[in-house]
């Protein structure tokens, strides 16, 4: 998976829109951010930051420790930075959808599942 495929997936979710957020693209539903794409570093590493449940973040730190990149103070509250190249693509896609569900209104989520 690449940042480009993450962008396509994020924008395919109901009411998801892309907006700039400082030096990165952000993906929002009704104005709230569920994912951002940091600029690709000089090392070529592509990352994504997702708003995940804290328990999911803690689980990823156990099962995919090499993929979880510290955000310093932003680590609190479930914000999770992942090295895209170190994650299984299917699992990462599920995490993007989960991040959207963390932010999306319940009525919108219910409509997605119909």
PDB file of N, CA and C in Angstrom:
ATOM      1  N   UNK A   1       0.851  -1.175   0.000  1.00  0.00           N
ATOM      2  CA  UNK A   1       0.000   0.000   0.000  1.00  0.00           C
ATOM      3  C   UNK A   1       0.898   1.239   0.000  1.00  0.00           C
ATOM      4  N   UNK A   2       0.391   2.312  -0.594  1.00  0.00           N
ATOM      5  CA  UNK A   2       1.126   3.571  -0.664  1.00  0.00           C
ATOM      6  C   UNK A   2       0.236   4.702  -0.135  1.00  0.00           C
ATOM      7  N   UNK A   3       0.831   5.886   0.021  1.00  0.00           N
ATOM      8  CA  UNK A   3       0.014   7.028   0.421  1.00  0.00           C
ATOM      9  C   UNK A   3      -1.082   7.296  -0.606  1.00  0.00           C
ATOM     10  N   UNK A   4      -0.786   7.050  -1.857  1.00  0.00           N
ATOM     11  CA  UNK A   4      -1.783   7.264  -2.906  1.00  0.00           C
ATOM     12  C   UNK A   4      -2.984   6.335  -2.734  1.00  0.00           C
ATOM     13  N   UNK A   5      -2.748   5.063  -2.413  1.00  0.00           N
ATOM     14  CA  UNK A   5      -3.869   4.136  -2.217  1.00  0.00           C
ATOM     15  C   UNK A   5      -4.620   4.454  -0.929  1.00  0.00           C
ATOM     16  N   UNK A   6      -3.919   4.944   0.080  1.00  0.00           N
ATOM     17  CA  UNK A   6      -4.587   5.358   1.313  1.00  0.00           C
ATOM     18  C   UNK A   6      -5.487   6.560   1.016  1.00  0.00           C
ATOM     19  N   UNK A   7      -4.991   7.500   0.222  1.00  0.00           N
ATOM     20  CA  UNK A   7      -5.796   8.666  -0.165  1.00  0.00           C
ATOM     21  C   UNK A   7      -7.073   8.213  -0.871  1.00  0.00           C
ATOM     22  N   UNK A   8      -6.938   7.312  -1.830  1.00  0.00           N
ATOM     23  CA  UNK A   8      -8.103   6.806  -2.569  1.00  0.00           C
ATOM     24  C   UNK A   8      -9.089   6.126  -1.630  1.00  0.00           C
ATOM     25  N   UNK A   9      -8.589   5.291  -0.736  1.00  0.00           N
ATOM     26  CA  UNK A   9      -9.452   4.595   0.221  1.00  0.00           C
ATOM     27  C   UNK A   9     -10.152   5.592   1.136  1.00  0.00           C
ATOM     28  N   UNK A  10      -9.406   6.528   1.707  1.00  0.00           N
ATOM     29  CA  UNK A  10      -9.993   7.507   2.633  1.00  0.00           C
ATOM     30  C   UNK A  10     -11.102   8.301   1.948  1.00  0.00           C
ATOM     31  N   UNK A  11     -10.855   8.718   0.712  1.00  0.00           N
ATOM     32  CA  UNK A  11     -11.847   9.520  -0.007  1.00  0.00           C
ATOM     33  C   UNK A  11     -13.047   8.703  -0.473  1.00  0.00           C
ATOM     34  N   UNK A  12     -12.939   7.384  -0.442  1.00  0.00           N
ATOM     35  CA  UNK A  12     -14.071   6.533  -0.821  1.00  0.00           C
ATOM     36  C   UNK A  12     -15.068   6.359   0.325  1.00  0.00           C
ATOM     37  N   UNK A  13     -14.683   6.757   1.520  1.00  0.00           N
ATOM     38  CA  UNK A  13     -15.562   6.613   2.683  1.00  0.00           C
ATOM     39  C   UNK A  13     -16.620   7.718   2.680  1.00  0.00           C
ATOM     40  N   UNK A  14     -17.829   7.425   3.159  1.00  0.00           N
ATOM     41  CA  UNK A  14     -18.913   8.409   3.109  1.00  0.00           C
ATOM     42  C   UNK A  14     -18.534   9.760   3.726  1.00  0.00           C
ATOM     43  N   UNK A  15     -18.794  10.810   2.943  1.00  0.00           N
ATOM     44  CA  UNK A  15     -18.592  12.205   3.333  1.00  0.00           C
ATOM     45  C   UNK A  15     -17.145  12.571   3.647  1.00  0.00           C
ATOM     46  N   UNK A  16     -16.183  11.720   3.313  1.00  0.00           N
ATOM     47  CA  UNK A  16     -14.779  12.037   3.566  1.00  0.00           C
ATOM     48  C   UNK A  16     -14.291  13.069   2.554  1.00  0.00           C
ATOM     49  N   UNK A  17     -13.580  14.059   3.054  1.00  0.00           N
ATOM     50  CA  UNK A  17     -13.012  15.112   2.228  1.00  0.00           C
ATOM     51  C   UNK A  17     -11.553  15.303   2.584  1.00  0.00           C
ATOM     52  N   UNK A  18     -10.769  15.750   1.615  1.00  0.00           N
ATOM     53  CA  UNK A  18      -9.355  16.037   1.845  1.00  0.00           C
ATOM     54  C   UNK A  18      -9.165  17.546   1.995  1.00  0.00           C
ATOM     55  N   UNK A  19      -8.418  17.936   3.012  1.00  0.00           N
ATOM     56  CA  UNK A  19      -8.084  19.339   3.248  1.00  0.00           C
ATOM     57  C   UNK A  19      -6.630  19.413   3.687  1.00  0.00           C
ATOM     58  N   UNK A  20      -5.947  20.509   3.380  1.00  0.00           N
ATOM     59  CA  UNK A  20      -4.591  20.664   3.889  1.00  0.00           C
ATOM     60  C   UNK A  20      -4.612  20.857   5.404  1.00  0.00           C
ATOM     61  N   UNK A  21      -3.599  20.345   6.052  1.00  0.00           N
ATOM     62  CA  UNK A  21      -3.440  20.506   7.505  1.00  0.00           C
ATOM     63  C   UNK A  21      -1.953  20.725   7.747  1.00  0.00           C
ATOM     64  N   UNK A  22      -1.573  21.974   7.885  1.00  0.00           N
ATOM     65  CA  UNK A  22      -0.165  22.363   7.974  1.00  0.00           C
ATOM     66  C   UNK A  22       0.576  21.821   6.759  1.00  0.00           C
ATOM     67  N   UNK A  23       1.571  20.942   6.952  1.00  0.00           N
ATOM     68  CA  UNK A  23       2.394  20.463   5.841  1.00  0.00           C
ATOM     69  C   UNK A  23       1.926  19.112   5.295  1.00  0.00           C
ATOM     70  N   UNK A  24       0.680  18.754   5.553  1.00  0.00           N
ATOM     71  CA  UNK A  24       0.214  17.422   5.153  1.00  0.00           C
ATOM     72  C   UNK A  24      -1.228  17.457   4.688  1.00  0.00           C
ATOM     73  N   UNK A  25      -1.624  16.397   4.009  1.00  0.00           N
ATOM     74  CA  UNK A  25      -3.028  16.221   3.634  1.00  0.00           C
ATOM     75  C   UNK A  25      -3.754  15.625   4.831  1.00  0.00           C
ATOM     76  N   UNK A  26      -4.973  16.096   5.067  1.00  0.00           N
ATOM     77  CA  UNK A  26      -5.791  15.497   6.117  1.00  0.00           C
ATOM     78  C   UNK A  26      -7.097  15.024   5.491  1.00  0.00           C
ATOM     79  N   UNK A  27      -7.673  14.010   6.099  1.00  0.00           N
ATOM     80  CA  UNK A  27      -8.941  13.450   5.649  1.00  0.00           C
ATOM     81  C   UNK A  27      -9.918  13.600   6.787  1.00  0.00           C
ATOM     82  N   UNK A  28     -11.065  14.195   6.458  1.00  0.00           N
ATOM     83  CA  UNK A  28     -12.020  14.578   7.486  1.00  0.00           C
ATOM     84  C   UNK A  28     -13.422  14.105   7.120  1.00  0.00           C
ATOM     85  N   UNK A  29     -14.209  13.911   8.142  1.00  0.00           N
ATOM     86  CA  UNK A  29     -15.636  13.684   7.970  1.00  0.00           C
ATOM     87  C   UNK A  29     -16.331  14.714   8.850  1.00  0.00           C
ATOM     88  N   UNK A  30     -17.159  15.531   8.211  1.00  0.00           N
ATOM     89  CA  UNK A  30     -17.867  16.622   8.891  1.00  0.00           C
ATOM     90  C   UNK A  30     -16.915  17.494   9.719  1.00  0.00           C
ATOM     91  N   UNK A  31     -15.758  17.775   9.109  1.00  0.00           N
ATOM     92  CA  UNK A  31     -14.801  18.695   9.713  1.00  0.00           C
ATOM     93  C   UNK A  31     -13.825  18.097  10.697  1.00  0.00           C
ATOM     94  N   UNK A  32     -13.987  16.835  11.049  1.00  0.00           N
ATOM     95  CA  UNK A  32     -13.101  16.202  12.033  1.00  0.00           C
ATOM     96  C   UNK A  32     -12.105  15.274  11.325  1.00  0.00           C
ATOM     97  N   UNK A  33     -10.852  15.375  11.723  1.00  0.00           N
ATOM     98  CA  UNK A  33      -9.777  14.604  11.092  1.00  0.00           C
ATOM     99  C   UNK A  33      -9.784  13.158  11.584  1.00  0.00           C
ATOM    100  N   UNK A  34      -9.688  12.218  10.627  1.00  0.00           N
ATOM    101  CA  UNK A  34      -9.513  10.815  10.982  1.00  0.00           C
ATOM    102  C   UNK A  34      -8.184  10.268  10.475  1.00  0.00           C
ATOM    103  N   UNK A  35      -7.534  10.965   9.543  1.00  0.00           N
ATOM    104  CA  UNK A  35      -6.241  10.501   9.024  1.00  0.00           C
ATOM    105  C   UNK A  35      -5.476  11.678   8.424  1.00  0.00           C
ATOM    106  N   UNK A  36      -4.148  11.586   8.479  1.00  0.00           N
ATOM    107  CA  UNK A  36      -3.286  12.546   7.785  1.00  0.00           C
ATOM    108  C   UNK A  36      -2.164  11.786   7.103  1.00  0.00           C
ATOM    109  N   UNK A  37      -1.626  12.405   6.061  1.00  0.00           N
ATOM    110  CA  UNK A  37      -0.478  11.843   5.349  1.00  0.00           C
ATOM    111  C   UNK A  37       0.698  12.798   5.488  1.00  0.00           C
ATOM    112  N   UNK A  38       1.651  12.465   6.361  1.00  0.00           N
ATOM    113  CA  UNK A  38       2.840  13.316   6.497  1.00  0.00           C
ATOM    114  C   UNK A  38       3.645  13.315   5.201  1.00  0.00           C
ATOM    115  N   UNK A  39       4.427  14.360   4.965  1.00  0.00           N
ATOM    116  CA  UNK A  39       5.287  14.360   3.781  1.00  0.00           C
ATOM    117  C   UNK A  39       6.237  13.166   3.813  1.00  0.00           C
ATOM    118  N   UNK A  40       6.549  12.641   2.639  1.00  0.00           N
ATOM    119  CA  UNK A  40       7.507  11.533   2.545  1.00  0.00           C
ATOM    120  C   UNK A  40       8.884  12.088   2.899  1.00  0.00           C
ATOM    121  N   UNK A  41       9.559  11.389   3.807  1.00  0.00           N
ATOM    122  CA  UNK A  41      10.865  11.844   4.260  1.00  0.00           C
ATOM    123  C   UNK A  41      11.955  11.638   3.217  1.00  0.00           C
ATOM    124  N   UNK A  42      13.116  12.191   3.500  1.00  0.00           N
ATOM    125  CA  UNK A  42      14.257  12.022   2.601  1.00  0.00           C
ATOM    126  C   UNK A  42      14.619  10.554   2.423  1.00  0.00           C
ATOM    127  N   UNK A  43      14.279   9.737   3.423  1.00  0.00           N
ATOM    128  CA  UNK A  43      14.557   8.302   3.360  1.00  0.00           C
ATOM    129  C   UNK A  43      13.526   7.553   2.518  1.00  0.00           C
ATOM    130  N   UNK A  44      12.514   8.265   2.018  1.00  0.00           N
ATOM    131  CA  UNK A  44      11.494   7.645   1.176  1.00  0.00           C
ATOM    132  C   UNK A  44      10.407   6.908   1.933  1.00  0.00           C
ATOM    133  N   UNK A  45      10.450   6.944   3.264  1.00  0.00           N
ATOM    134  CA  UNK A  45       9.458   6.228   4.069  1.00  0.00           C
ATOM    135  C   UNK A  45       8.120   6.970   4.003  1.00  0.00           C
ATOM    136  N   UNK A  46       7.070   6.212   3.657  1.00  0.00           N
ATOM    137  CA  UNK A  46       5.718   6.753   3.608  1.00  0.00           C
ATOM    138  C   UNK A  46       4.991   6.384   4.894  1.00  0.00           C
ATOM    139  N   UNK A  47       4.325   7.375   5.485  1.00  0.00           N
ATOM    140  CA  UNK A  47       3.636   7.157   6.748  1.00  0.00           C
ATOM    141  C   UNK A  47       2.201   7.637   6.644  1.00  0.00           C
ATOM    142  N   UNK A  48       1.393   7.191   7.584  1.00  0.00           N
ATOM    143  CA  UNK A  48       0.027   7.651   7.743  1.00  0.00           C
ATOM    144  C   UNK A  48      -0.217   7.812   9.238  1.00  0.00           C
ATOM    145  N   UNK A  49      -1.010   8.812   9.601  1.00  0.00           N
ATOM    146  CA  UNK A  49      -1.405   9.010  10.990  1.00  0.00           C
ATOM    147  C   UNK A  49      -2.913   8.791  11.059  1.00  0.00           C
ATOM    148  N   UNK A  50      -3.336   7.908  11.957  1.00  0.00           N
ATOM    149  CA  UNK A  50      -4.742   7.548  12.089  1.00  0.00           C
ATOM    150  C   UNK A  50      -5.233   7.790  13.504  1.00  0.00           C
ATOM    151  N   UNK A  51      -6.488   8.180  13.625  1.00  0.00           N
ATOM    152  CA  UNK A  51      -7.144   8.333  14.934  1.00  0.00           C
ATOM    153  C   UNK A  51      -7.779   6.984  15.258  1.00  0.00           C
ATOM    154  N   UNK A  52      -7.148   6.226  16.154  1.00  0.00           N
ATOM    155  CA  UNK A  52      -7.597   4.877  16.491  1.00  0.00           C
ATOM    156  C   UNK A  52      -8.000   4.791  17.959  1.00  0.00           C
ATOM    157  N   UNK A  53      -8.813   3.810  18.297  1.00  0.00           N
ATOM    158  CA  UNK A  53      -9.089   3.573  19.719  1.00  0.00           C
ATOM    159  C   UNK A  53      -7.769   3.271  20.441  1.00  0.00           C
ATOM    160  N   UNK A  54      -7.636   3.751  21.650  1.00  0.00           N
ATOM    161  CA  UNK A  54      -6.395   3.571  22.406  1.00  0.00           C
ATOM    162  C   UNK A  54      -6.024   2.091  22.525  1.00  0.00           C
ATOM    163  N   UNK A  55      -7.002   1.223  22.752  1.00  0.00           N
ATOM    164  CA  UNK A  55      -6.707  -0.212  22.876  1.00  0.00           C
ATOM    165  C   UNK A  55      -6.166  -0.802  21.581  1.00  0.00           C
ATOM    166  N   UNK A  56      -6.642  -0.313  20.439  1.00  0.00           N
ATOM    167  CA  UNK A  56      -6.127  -0.781  19.149  1.00  0.00           C
ATOM    168  C   UNK A  56      -4.688  -0.313  18.981  1.00  0.00           C
ATOM    169  N   UNK A  57      -4.426   0.936  19.350  1.00  0.00           N
ATOM    170  CA  UNK A  57      -3.057   1.444  19.267  1.00  0.00           C
ATOM    171  C   UNK A  57      -2.118   0.603  20.132  1.00  0.00           C
ATOM    172  N   UNK A  58      -2.553   0.317  21.355  1.00  0.00           N
ATOM    173  CA  UNK A  58      -1.722  -0.496  22.247  1.00  0.00           C
ATOM    174  C   UNK A  58      -1.495  -1.883  21.676  1.00  0.00           C
ATOM    175  N   UNK A  59      -2.495  -2.458  21.061  1.00  0.00           N
ATOM    176  CA  UNK A  59      -2.357  -3.772  20.432  1.00  0.00           C
ATOM    177  C   UNK A  59      -1.352  -3.715  19.279  1.00  0.00           C
ATOM    178  N   UNK A  60      -1.432  -2.670  18.460  1.00  0.00           N
ATOM    179  CA  UNK A  60      -0.484  -2.517  17.354  1.00  0.00           C
ATOM    180  C   UNK A  60       0.949  -2.377  17.866  1.00  0.00           C
ATOM    181  N   UNK A  61       1.114  -1.713  18.994  1.00  0.00           N
ATOM    182  CA  UNK A  61       2.457  -1.573  19.566  1.00  0.00           C
ATOM    183  C   UNK A  61       3.017  -2.928  19.979  1.00  0.00           C
ATOM    184  N   UNK A  62       2.133  -3.882  20.246  1.00  0.00           N
ATOM    185  CA  UNK A  62       2.565  -5.240  20.598  1.00  0.00           C
ATOM    186  C   UNK A  62       2.791  -6.096  19.350  1.00  0.00           C
ATOM    187  N   UNK A  63       1.826  -6.051  18.413  1.00  0.00           N
ATOM    188  CA  UNK A  63       1.851  -6.966  17.263  1.00  0.00           C
ATOM    189  C   UNK A  63       2.621  -6.428  16.067  1.00  0.00           C
ATOM    190  N   UNK A  64       2.659  -5.124  15.894  1.00  0.00           N
ATOM    191  CA  UNK A  64       3.321  -4.502  14.744  1.00  0.00           C
ATOM    192  C   UNK A  64       4.268  -3.401  15.209  1.00  0.00           C
ATOM    193  N   UNK A  65       5.048  -3.701  16.228  1.00  0.00           N
ATOM    194  CA  UNK A  65       5.902  -2.688  16.870  1.00  0.00           C
ATOM    195  C   UNK A  65       6.789  -1.953  15.868  1.00  0.00           C
ATOM    196  N   UNK A  66       7.296  -2.651  14.873  1.00  0.00           N
ATOM    197  CA  UNK A  66       8.171  -2.020  13.886  1.00  0.00           C
ATOM    198  C   UNK A  66       7.469  -1.026  12.995  1.00  0.00           C
ATOM    199  N   UNK A  67       6.151  -1.100  12.924  1.00  0.00           N
ATOM    200  CA  UNK A  67       5.379  -0.203  12.061  1.00  0.00           C
ATOM    201  C   UNK A  67       4.911   1.046  12.790  1.00  0.00           C
ATOM    202  N   UNK A  68       4.844   1.004  14.120  1.00  0.00           N
ATOM    203  CA  UNK A  68       4.330   2.136  14.897  1.00  0.00           C
ATOM    204  C   UNK A  68       5.478   3.119  15.133  1.00  0.00           C
ATOM    205  N   UNK A  69       5.256   4.377  14.720  1.00  0.00           N
ATOM    206  CA  UNK A  69       6.271   5.417  14.838  1.00  0.00           C
ATOM    207  C   UNK A  69       5.780   6.438  15.861  1.00  0.00           C
ATOM    208  N   UNK A  70       6.612   6.767  16.831  1.00  0.00           N
ATOM    209  CA  UNK A  70       6.209   7.693  17.896  1.00  0.00           C
ATOM    210  C   UNK A  70       5.856   9.070  17.348  1.00  0.00           C
ATOM    211  N   UNK A  71       4.836   9.655  17.948  1.00  0.00           N
ATOM    212  CA  UNK A  71       4.418  11.021  17.632  1.00  0.00           C
ATOM    213  C   UNK A  71       4.693  11.973  18.794  1.00  0.00           C
ATOM    214  N   UNK A  72       5.437  11.518  19.769  1.00  0.00           N
ATOM    215  CA  UNK A  72       5.692  12.353  20.939  1.00  0.00           C
ATOM    216  C   UNK A  72       4.403  12.591  21.705  1.00  0.00           C
ATOM    217  N   UNK A  73       4.098  13.841  22.010  1.00  0.00           N
ATOM    218  CA  UNK A  73       2.889  14.168  22.769  1.00  0.00           C
ATOM    219  C   UNK A  73       1.605  13.792  22.044  1.00  0.00           C
ATOM    220  N   UNK A  74       1.639  13.684  20.728  1.00  0.00           N
ATOM    221  CA  UNK A  74       0.441  13.328  19.960  1.00  0.00           C
ATOM    222  C   UNK A  74       0.086  11.854  20.111  1.00  0.00           C
ATOM    223  N   UNK A  75       0.938  11.069  20.731  1.00  0.00           N
ATOM    224  CA  UNK A  75       0.637   9.652  20.945  1.00  0.00           C
ATOM    225  C   UNK A  75      -0.588   9.463  21.834  1.00  0.00           C
ATOM    226  N   UNK A  76      -0.896  10.462  22.639  1.00  0.00           N
ATOM    227  CA  UNK A  76      -2.045  10.360  23.545  1.00  0.00           C
ATOM    228  C   UNK A  76      -3.342  10.414  22.737  1.00  0.00           C
ATOM    229  N   UNK A  77      -4.370   9.808  23.254  1.00  0.00           N
ATOM    230  CA  UNK A  77      -5.677   9.903  22.621  1.00  0.00           C
ATOM    231  C   UNK A  77      -5.868   9.033  21.403  1.00  0.00           C
ATOM    232  N   UNK A  78      -4.943   8.129  21.141  1.00  0.00           N
ATOM    233  CA  UNK A  78      -5.128   7.194  20.041  1.00  0.00           C
ATOM    234  C   UNK A  78      -4.501   7.588  18.717  1.00  0.00           C
ATOM    235  N   UNK A  79      -3.955   8.791  18.593  1.00  0.00           N
ATOM    236  CA  UNK A  79      -3.297   9.154  17.337  1.00  0.00           C
ATOM    237  C   UNK A  79      -2.114   8.215  17.130  1.00  0.00           C
ATOM    238  N   UNK A  80      -2.083   7.583  15.981  1.00  0.00           N
ATOM    239  CA  UNK A  80      -1.123   6.510  15.713  1.00  0.00           C
ATOM    240  C   UNK A  80      -0.463   6.734  14.362  1.00  0.00           C
ATOM    241  N   UNK A  81       0.869   6.873  14.354  1.00  0.00           N
ATOM    242  CA  UNK A  81       1.609   7.009  13.103  1.00  0.00           C
ATOM    243  C   UNK A  81       2.175   5.650  12.719  1.00  0.00           C
ATOM    244  N   UNK A  82       1.936   5.281  11.467  1.00  0.00           N
ATOM    245  CA  UNK A  82       2.369   3.972  10.987  1.00  0.00           C
ATOM    246  C   UNK A  82       3.264   4.113   9.766  1.00  0.00           C
ATOM    247  N   UNK A  83       4.298   3.300   9.709  1.00  0.00           N
ATOM    248  CA  UNK A  83       5.164   3.175   8.540  1.00  0.00           C
ATOM    249  C   UNK A  83       4.409   2.258   7.571  1.00  0.00           C
ATOM    250  N   UNK A  84       3.935   2.816   6.473  1.00  0.00           N
ATOM    251  CA  UNK A  84       3.089   2.083   5.530  1.00  0.00           C
ATOM    252  C   UNK A  84       3.783   0.824   5.014  1.00  0.00           C
ATOM    253  N   UNK A  85       5.061   0.911   4.745  1.00  0.00           N
ATOM    254  CA  UNK A  85       5.804  -0.221   4.190  1.00  0.00           C
ATOM    255  C   UNK A  85       5.948  -1.396   5.141  1.00  0.00           C
ATOM    256  N   UNK A  86       5.705  -1.187   6.414  1.00  0.00           N
ATOM    257  CA  UNK A  86       5.847  -2.251   7.411  1.00  0.00           C
ATOM    258  C   UNK A  86       4.508  -2.854   7.830  1.00  0.00           C
ATOM    259  N   UNK A  87       3.426  -2.434   7.145  1.00  0.00           N
ATOM    260  CA  UNK A  87       2.091  -2.930   7.498  1.00  0.00           C
ATOM    261  C   UNK A  87       1.517  -3.769   6.362  1.00  0.00           C
ATOM    262  N   UNK A  88       0.794  -4.808   6.724  1.00  0.00           N
ATOM    263  CA  UNK A  88       0.029  -5.579   5.760  1.00  0.00           C
ATOM    264  C   UNK A  88      -1.028  -4.646   5.159  1.00  0.00           C
ATOM    265  N   UNK A  89      -1.167  -4.651   3.846  1.00  0.00           N
ATOM    266  CA  UNK A  89      -2.083  -3.739   3.170  1.00  0.00           C
ATOM    267  C   UNK A  89      -3.531  -3.894   3.591  1.00  0.00           C
ATOM    268  N   UNK A  90      -3.987  -5.120   3.726  1.00  0.00           N
ATOM    269  CA  UNK A  90      -5.375  -5.364   4.125  1.00  0.00           C
ATOM    270  C   UNK A  90      -5.629  -4.860   5.553  1.00  0.00           C
ATOM    271  N   UNK A  91      -4.680  -5.123   6.425  1.00  0.00           N
ATOM    272  CA  UNK A  91      -4.806  -4.668   7.815  1.00  0.00           C
ATOM    273  C   UNK A  91      -4.815  -3.144   7.867  1.00  0.00           C
ATOM    274  N   UNK A  92      -3.943  -2.521   7.088  1.00  0.00           N
ATOM    275  CA  UNK A  92      -3.882  -1.060   7.061  1.00  0.00           C
ATOM    276  C   UNK A  92      -5.189  -0.470   6.526  1.00  0.00           C
ATOM    277  N   UNK A  93      -5.762  -1.078   5.506  1.00  0.00           N
ATOM    278  CA  UNK A  93      -7.054  -0.612   4.973  1.00  0.00           C
ATOM    279  C   UNK A  93      -8.133  -0.704   6.045  1.00  0.00           C
ATOM    280  N   UNK A  94      -8.136  -1.798   6.798  1.00  0.00           N
ATOM    281  CA  UNK A  94      -9.108  -1.938   7.893  1.00  0.00           C
ATOM    282  C   UNK A  94      -8.904  -0.841   8.951  1.00  0.00           C
ATOM    283  N   UNK A  95      -7.655  -0.485   9.214  1.00  0.00           N
ATOM    284  CA  UNK A  95      -7.368   0.557  10.205  1.00  0.00           C
ATOM    285  C   UNK A  95      -7.828   1.938   9.723  1.00  0.00           C
ATOM    286  N   UNK A  96      -7.693   2.205   8.423  1.00  0.00           N
ATOM    287  CA  UNK A  96      -8.186   3.478   7.878  1.00  0.00           C
ATOM    288  C   UNK A  96      -9.701   3.551   8.054  1.00  0.00           C
ATOM    289  N   UNK A  97     -10.391   2.457   7.754  1.00  0.00           N
ATOM    290  CA  UNK A  97     -11.852   2.427   7.930  1.00  0.00           C
ATOM    291  C   UNK A  97     -12.233   2.589   9.404  1.00  0.00           C
ATOM    292  N   UNK A  98     -11.467   1.964  10.287  1.00  0.00           N
ATOM    293  CA  UNK A  98     -11.720   2.090  11.720  1.00  0.00           C
ATOM    294  C   UNK A  98     -11.536   3.538  12.174  1.00  0.00           C
ATOM    295  N   UNK A  99     -10.499   4.194  11.685  1.00  0.00           N
ATOM    296  CA  UNK A  99     -10.264   5.601  12.035  1.00  0.00           C
ATOM    297  C   UNK A  99     -11.448   6.458  11.591  1.00  0.00           C
ATOM    298  N   UNK A 100     -11.971   6.197  10.388  1.00  0.00           N
ATOM    299  CA  UNK A 100     -13.150   6.926   9.909  1.00  0.00           C
ATOM    300  C   UNK A 100     -14.334   6.701  10.856  1.00  0.00           C
ATOM    301  N   UNK A 101     -14.537   5.441  11.266  1.00  0.00           N
ATOM    302  CA  UNK A 101     -15.658   5.127  12.166  1.00  0.00           C
ATOM    303  C   UNK A 101     -15.485   5.776  13.543  1.00  0.00           C
ATOM    304  N   UNK A 102     -14.257   6.032  13.948  1.00  0.00           N
ATOM    305  CA  UNK A 102     -14.011   6.712  15.226  1.00  0.00           C
ATOM    306  C   UNK A 102     -14.553   8.137  15.204  1.00  0.00           C
ATOM    307  N   UNK A 103     -14.559   8.748  14.041  1.00  0.00           N
ATOM    308  CA  UNK A 103     -14.896  10.167  13.898  1.00  0.00           C
ATOM    309  C   UNK A 103     -16.296  10.380  13.333  1.00  0.00           C
ATOM    310  N   UNK A 104     -16.728   9.510  12.448  1.00  0.00           N
ATOM    311  CA  UNK A 104     -18.009   9.704  11.750  1.00  0.00           C
ATOM    312  C   UNK A 104     -19.193   9.640  12.722  1.00  0.00           C
ATOM    313  N   UNK A 105     -20.230  10.438  12.471  1.00  0.00           N
ATOM    314  CA  UNK A 105     -21.437  10.368  13.294  1.00  0.00           C
ATOM    315  C   UNK A 105     -22.096   8.983  13.192  1.00  0.00           C
ATOM    316  N   UNK A 106     -22.730   8.559  14.259  1.00  0.00           N
ATOM    317  CA  UNK A 106     -23.345   7.224  14.305  1.00  0.00           C
ATOM    318  C   UNK A 106     -24.338   6.991  13.171  1.00  0.00           C
ATOM    319  N   UNK A 107     -25.123   7.995  12.822  1.00  0.00           N
ATOM    320  CA  UNK A 107     -26.095   7.833  11.733  1.00  0.00           C
ATOM    321  C   UNK A 107     -25.400   7.579  10.403  1.00  0.00           C
ATOM    322  N   UNK A 108     -24.279   8.233  10.186  1.00  0.00           N
ATOM    323  CA  UNK A 108     -23.520   8.036   8.957  1.00  0.00           C
ATOM    324  C   UNK A 108     -22.920   6.628   8.925  1.00  0.00           C
ATOM    325  N   UNK A 109     -22.423   6.167  10.045  1.00  0.00           N
ATOM    326  CA  UNK A 109     -21.873   4.808  10.136  1.00  0.00           C
ATOM    327  C   UNK A 109     -22.955   3.793   9.864  1.00  0.00           C
ATOM    328  N   UNK A 110     -24.124   3.979  10.446  1.00  0.00           N
ATOM    329  CA  UNK A 110     -25.244   3.056  10.227  1.00  0.00           C
ATOM    330  C   UNK A 110     -25.612   2.996   8.756  1.00  0.00           C
ATOM    331  N   UNK A 111     -25.576   4.123   8.051  1.00  0.00           N
ATOM    332  CA  UNK A 111     -25.880   4.157   6.633  1.00  0.00           C
ATOM    333  C   UNK A 111     -24.841   3.433   5.806  1.00  0.00           C
ATOM    334  N   UNK A 112     -23.584   3.440   6.244  1.00  0.00           N
ATOM    335  CA  UNK A 112     -22.509   2.759   5.512  1.00  0.00           C
ATOM    336  C   UNK A 112     -22.706   1.242   5.589  1.00  0.00           C
ATOM    337  N   UNK A 113     -23.252   0.743   6.687  1.00  0.00           N
ATOM    338  CA  UNK A 113     -23.357  -0.683   6.886  1.00  0.00           C
ATOM    339  C   UNK A 113     -24.591  -1.287   6.241  1.00  0.00           C
ATOM    340  N   UNK A 114     -25.493  -0.457   5.698  1.00  0.00           N
ATOM    341  CA  UNK A 114     -26.716  -0.972   5.087  1.00  0.00           C
ATOM    342  C   UNK A 114     -26.450  -1.573   3.731  1.00  0.00           C
TER     343      UNK A 114
END
